[in-house]
Amino acid sequence: MSESIADTGVAGEASTETTNGRFDEIRTLTQNGLWSNNPALVQLLGLCPLLAVSGTVTNALGLGIATMLVLIGSNVTVSLVRNFVPSEIRIPVFVMVIATFVTLIELFMNAFTYGLFMALGIFIPLIVTNCAIIGRAEAYASKNNWQLSAIDGFMMGLGFTLVLVLLGAMREIIGQGTLFDGAELLLGDWATVLRIELFAVDYPLLLAVLPPGAFIGMGFIIAGKNWIDHKREQRSQTDSVRKVERARVTSA
């Protein structure tokens, strides 16, 4: 009887440790995708479409959602087939998986969001060449189960989308004085009410609308992230010093 109770206790502890480990992994994936290892701000991957089509929030959101869906789908698929694909041909297989999902997204957008499909143009099929997607397939999905791979794809895609939307908002406000211009291209005719005109602009500011403005805006966003990281590191060091000093006073 006592042995049975002991075995039950050990099993319960093991289950708790497994659950805690899974939550820690999910927390790490969330932090990496949104901040610490953001594909746009830290890895600096996928910058070609990010800089080219982020002229408005609508374009940025559309491309971000498309990229996120491809990331989730390819990560899950790669994780499921990872044990059946020889290592020698894994990269071509991963690229085919990514291309399949990009084609599905492209056909869907062509059917239901044709205006946005035409606005994004060649940059939808170019998602296949986004190094962030193939990088996550190789670095994470090919080594972990499909549930964690799906979370990784979602968080990386969400982090990429947030940067896209932030950059698109900056460029749209400075260049055109509006927000959510053309939202009906993504969400339907009802979304015309979402358009916000912050101030009237007789002529768009070309520096913000054209790709050079994207480079400048991206530079400011990366600089802002680095500044925040630096401040957080300084605060952490200060807190560590205070803890050491308190420990010395207490021991004395």
Protein backbone atom coordinates (compact mmCIF):
# COMPACT_ATOMS: atom_id res chain seq x y z
CA MET A 1 0.00 0.00 0.00
CA SER A 2 2.75 2.42 0.98
CA GLU A 3 4.68 1.54 -2.18
CA SER A 4 1.58 2.32 -4.26
CA ILE A 5 1.19 5.70 -2.57
CA ALA A 6 4.87 6.44 -3.09
CA ASP A 7 4.64 5.52 -6.78
CA THR A 8 1.60 7.77 -7.16
CA GLY A 9 3.51 10.64 -5.52
CA VAL A 10 6.49 10.16 -7.81
CA ALA A 11 4.23 10.05 -10.87
CA GLY A 12 2.49 13.24 -9.73
CA GLU A 13 5.80 15.04 -9.28
CA ALA A 14 6.98 13.91 -12.71
CA SER A 15 3.72 15.13 -14.28
CA THR A 16 4.08 18.50 -12.54
CA GLU A 17 7.66 18.86 -13.74
CA THR A 18 6.59 18.02 -17.30
CA THR A 19 3.79 20.59 -17.17
CA ASN A 20 6.09 23.26 -15.73
CA GLY A 21 8.69 22.48 -18.38
CA ARG A 22 6.09 22.86 -21.12
CA PHE A 23 4.89 26.20 -19.74
CA ASP A 24 8.52 27.38 -19.54
CA GLU A 25 9.04 26.39 -23.16
CA ILE A 26 5.89 28.23 -24.27
CA ARG A 27 6.96 31.32 -22.31
CA THR A 28 10.40 31.16 -23.96
CA LEU A 29 8.84 30.81 -27.43
CA THR A 30 6.58 33.79 -26.75
CA GLN A 31 9.43 35.98 -25.54
CA ASN A 32 11.69 34.98 -28.43
CA GLY A 33 9.05 35.50 -31.10
CA LEU A 34 7.77 38.84 -29.85
CA TRP A 35 10.98 40.39 -28.59
CA SER A 36 14.27 38.61 -27.84
CA ASN A 37 14.61 36.79 -31.19
CA ASN A 38 12.11 38.71 -33.31
CA PRO A 39 12.70 37.74 -36.96
CA ALA A 40 12.48 41.35 -38.15
CA LEU A 41 14.20 43.23 -35.31
CA VAL A 42 16.88 40.78 -34.19
CA GLN A 43 17.40 38.20 -36.92
CA LEU A 44 16.77 40.85 -39.63
CA LEU A 45 15.19 38.25 -41.90
CA GLY A 46 12.47 38.79 -44.48
CA LEU A 47 13.30 42.47 -44.86
CA CYS A 48 12.61 42.60 -48.60
CA PRO A 49 8.79 42.36 -48.37
CA LEU A 50 8.82 44.09 -44.98
CA LEU A 51 10.39 47.22 -46.44
CA ALA A 52 8.67 47.08 -49.82
CA VAL A 53 4.97 46.76 -48.98
CA SER A 54 4.67 48.37 -45.54
CA GLY A 55 3.45 51.67 -46.97
CA THR A 56 0.09 51.30 -45.23
CA VAL A 57 -1.25 49.40 -42.23
CA THR A 58 -3.57 47.41 -44.50
CA ASN A 59 -0.76 46.14 -46.73
CA ALA A 60 1.44 45.40 -43.73
CA LEU A 61 -1.32 43.52 -41.89
CA GLY A 62 -2.23 41.49 -44.97
CA LEU A 63 1.34 40.40 -45.64
CA GLY A 64 1.95 39.77 -41.93
CA ILE A 65 -1.08 37.49 -41.59
CA ALA A 66 -0.13 35.61 -44.76
CA THR A 67 3.41 35.09 -43.48
CA MET A 68 2.15 33.96 -40.07
CA LEU A 69 -0.21 31.39 -41.59
CA VAL A 70 2.61 30.01 -43.74
CA LEU A 71 4.88 29.84 -40.69
CA ILE A 72 2.31 27.91 -38.66
CA GLY A 73 1.41 25.52 -41.47
CA SER A 74 4.99 24.80 -42.52
CA ASN A 75 6.19 24.36 -38.93
CA VAL A 76 3.44 21.86 -38.13
CA THR A 77 3.98 19.92 -41.36
CA VAL A 78 7.76 19.81 -40.99
CA SER A 79 7.41 18.63 -37.41
CA LEU A 80 5.05 15.82 -38.45
CA VAL A 81 7.26 14.53 -41.28
CA ARG A 82 10.66 15.16 -39.68
CA ASN A 83 11.23 11.50 -38.85
CA PHE A 84 10.44 10.37 -42.39
CA VAL A 85 12.64 12.79 -44.34
CA PRO A 86 16.33 11.89 -44.86
CA SER A 87 18.63 14.61 -43.59
CA GLU A 88 20.33 14.88 -47.00
CA ILE A 89 17.17 16.18 -48.71
CA ARG A 90 15.46 17.93 -45.79
CA ILE A 91 16.00 21.49 -47.08
CA PRO A 92 14.39 20.86 -50.51
CA VAL A 93 11.49 19.11 -48.77
CA PHE A 94 11.06 22.04 -46.38
CA VAL A 95 11.03 24.48 -49.29
CA MET A 96 8.37 22.41 -51.07
CA VAL A 97 6.24 22.40 -47.93
CA ILE A 98 6.58 26.18 -47.60
CA ALA A 99 5.81 26.68 -51.31
CA THR A 100 2.65 24.59 -50.94
CA PHE A 101 1.31 26.76 -48.14
CA VAL A 102 2.28 29.96 -49.96
CA THR A 103 0.37 28.75 -53.03
CA LEU A 104 -2.71 28.03 -50.90
CA ILE A 105 -2.53 31.50 -49.32
CA GLU A 106 -2.03 33.09 -52.73
CA LEU A 107 -5.06 31.32 -54.20
CA PHE A 108 -7.16 32.26 -51.17
CA MET A 109 -6.20 35.94 -51.42
CA ASN A 110 -6.80 35.93 -55.16
CA ALA A 111 -10.31 34.62 -54.53
CA PHE A 112 -11.39 36.65 -51.49
CA THR A 113 -9.12 39.71 -51.18
CA TYR A 114 -8.31 40.45 -54.80
CA GLY A 115 -7.56 44.14 -54.28
CA LEU A 116 -5.01 43.38 -51.58
CA PHE A 117 -3.66 40.52 -53.70
CA MET A 118 -2.95 42.97 -56.51
CA ALA A 119 -1.47 45.54 -54.11
CA LEU A 120 1.01 43.06 -52.61
CA GLY A 121 1.81 41.60 -56.02
CA ILE A 122 5.01 39.58 -56.35
CA PHE A 123 5.72 39.78 -52.63
CA ILE A 124 3.12 37.10 -51.84
CA PRO A 125 4.92 34.32 -53.76
CA LEU A 126 8.23 35.70 -52.48
CA ILE A 127 7.18 34.51 -49.01
CA VAL A 128 8.69 31.19 -50.14
CA THR A 129 12.14 32.76 -50.01
CA ASN A 130 11.64 34.34 -46.58
CA CYS A 131 14.61 33.07 -44.58
CA ALA A 132 12.68 33.40 -41.33
CA ILE A 133 10.32 30.60 -42.42
CA ILE A 134 12.92 28.14 -43.62
CA GLY A 135 15.05 29.07 -40.62
CA ARG A 136 12.31 28.15 -38.12
CA ALA A 137 11.59 24.93 -40.00
CA GLU A 138 15.24 23.91 -39.79
CA ALA A 139 16.12 25.27 -36.35
CA TYR A 140 12.98 24.40 -34.40
CA ALA A 141 10.19 22.50 -36.18
CA SER A 142 12.50 19.71 -37.37
CA LYS A 143 13.52 19.02 -33.76
CA ASN A 144 10.27 19.41 -31.77
CA ASN A 145 6.69 18.14 -31.66
CA TRP A 146 3.96 19.72 -33.74
CA GLN A 147 2.24 21.51 -30.83
CA LEU A 148 5.34 23.46 -29.83
CA SER A 149 6.20 24.00 -33.49
CA ALA A 150 2.76 25.53 -34.06
CA ILE A 151 3.26 27.88 -31.12
CA ASP A 152 6.73 28.80 -32.39
CA GLY A 153 5.32 29.58 -35.85
CA PHE A 154 2.49 31.64 -34.38
CA MET A 155 4.76 33.70 -32.11
CA MET A 156 7.39 34.30 -34.78
CA GLY A 157 4.69 35.24 -37.25
CA LEU A 158 2.98 37.49 -34.73
CA GLY A 159 6.27 39.24 -33.93
CA PHE A 160 6.92 39.76 -37.65
CA THR A 161 3.37 41.05 -38.17
CA LEU A 162 3.58 43.51 -35.28
CA VAL A 163 6.77 45.03 -36.67
CA LEU A 164 5.16 45.22 -40.12
CA VAL A 165 2.08 46.96 -38.75
CA LEU A 166 4.13 49.40 -36.64
CA LEU A 167 6.29 50.31 -39.61
CA GLY A 168 3.24 50.57 -41.86
CA ALA A 169 1.50 52.86 -39.37
CA MET A 170 4.55 55.12 -39.12
CA ARG A 171 4.88 55.42 -42.89
CA GLU A 172 1.16 55.90 -43.50
CA ILE A 173 0.78 58.60 -40.85
CA ILE A 174 3.86 60.55 -41.94
CA GLY A 175 3.32 60.05 -45.67
CA GLN A 176 -0.46 60.36 -46.02
CA GLY A 177 -1.81 61.53 -42.67
CA THR A 178 -4.14 58.53 -42.42
CA LEU A 179 -4.52 55.17 -40.69
CA PHE A 180 -6.19 52.01 -42.10
CA ASP A 181 -6.49 53.51 -45.56
CA GLY A 182 -7.74 50.78 -47.89
CA ALA A 183 -8.83 48.51 -45.02
CA GLU A 184 -11.73 47.32 -47.21
CA LEU A 185 -9.20 45.51 -49.39
CA LEU A 186 -8.50 43.14 -46.51
CA LEU A 187 -11.68 43.12 -44.44
CA GLY A 188 -14.44 43.91 -46.93
CA ASP A 189 -16.56 46.94 -47.77
CA TRP A 190 -17.68 47.50 -44.17
CA ALA A 191 -14.08 48.31 -43.20
CA THR A 192 -14.19 51.69 -44.98
CA VAL A 193 -15.41 53.11 -41.65
CA LEU A 194 -12.06 52.18 -40.08
CA ARG A 195 -10.19 54.79 -42.11
CA ILE A 196 -8.89 57.58 -39.89
CA GLU A 197 -7.66 60.88 -41.35
CA LEU A 198 -5.35 62.42 -38.78
CA PHE A 199 -4.47 65.46 -40.85
CA ALA A 200 -4.97 66.63 -44.42
CA VAL A 201 -2.12 66.14 -46.89
CA ASP A 202 -2.18 67.82 -50.29
CA TYR A 203 0.76 65.77 -51.56
CA PRO A 204 2.08 62.53 -50.00
CA LEU A 205 5.53 62.75 -48.43
CA LEU A 206 7.44 60.57 -50.87
CA LEU A 207 10.32 59.92 -48.46
CA ALA A 208 7.93 58.08 -46.15
CA VAL A 209 5.89 56.37 -48.87
CA LEU A 210 8.82 55.04 -50.92
CA PRO A 211 11.28 52.31 -49.76
CA PRO A 212 13.90 54.76 -48.40
CA GLY A 213 11.37 55.78 -45.76
CA ALA A 214 11.00 52.12 -44.81
CA PHE A 215 14.76 51.83 -44.19
CA ILE A 216 14.73 54.96 -42.02
CA GLY A 217 11.65 53.85 -40.08
CA MET A 218 13.07 50.37 -39.56
CA GLY A 219 16.27 51.91 -38.25
CA PHE A 220 14.34 53.92 -35.66
CA ILE A 221 12.36 50.84 -34.56
CA ILE A 222 15.52 48.74 -34.13
CA ALA A 223 17.21 51.61 -32.28
CA GLY A 224 14.20 51.88 -29.97
CA LYS A 225 14.32 48.17 -29.18
CA ASN A 226 18.06 48.32 -28.49
CA TRP A 227 17.55 51.33 -26.20
CA ILE A 228 14.84 49.49 -24.23
CA ASP A 229 17.06 46.40 -23.93
CA HIS A 230 19.93 48.57 -22.70
CA LYS A 231 17.74 50.23 -20.06
CA ARG A 232 16.41 46.87 -18.89
CA GLU A 233 19.94 45.51 -18.61
CA GLN A 234 21.04 48.55 -16.59
CA ARG A 235 18.06 48.16 -14.26
CA SER A 236 18.80 44.46 -13.82
CA GLN A 237 22.43 45.19 -12.94
CA THR A 238 21.34 47.88 -10.46
CA ASP A 239 18.89 45.49 -8.80
CA SER A 240 21.62 42.82 -8.55
CA VAL A 241 24.01 45.27 -6.87
CA ARG A 242 21.30 46.32 -4.39
CA LYS A 243 20.57 42.69 -3.52
CA VAL A 244 24.26 42.04 -2.86
CA GLU A 245 24.50 45.13 -0.65
CA ARG A 246 21.41 44.11 1.30
CA ALA A 247 22.81 40.61 1.79
CA ARG A 248 26.06 42.08 3.16
CA VAL A 249 24.19 44.36 5.57
CA THR A 250 22.02 41.48 6.74
CA SER A 251 24.98 39.16 7.27
CA ALA A 252 26.86 41.90 9.15
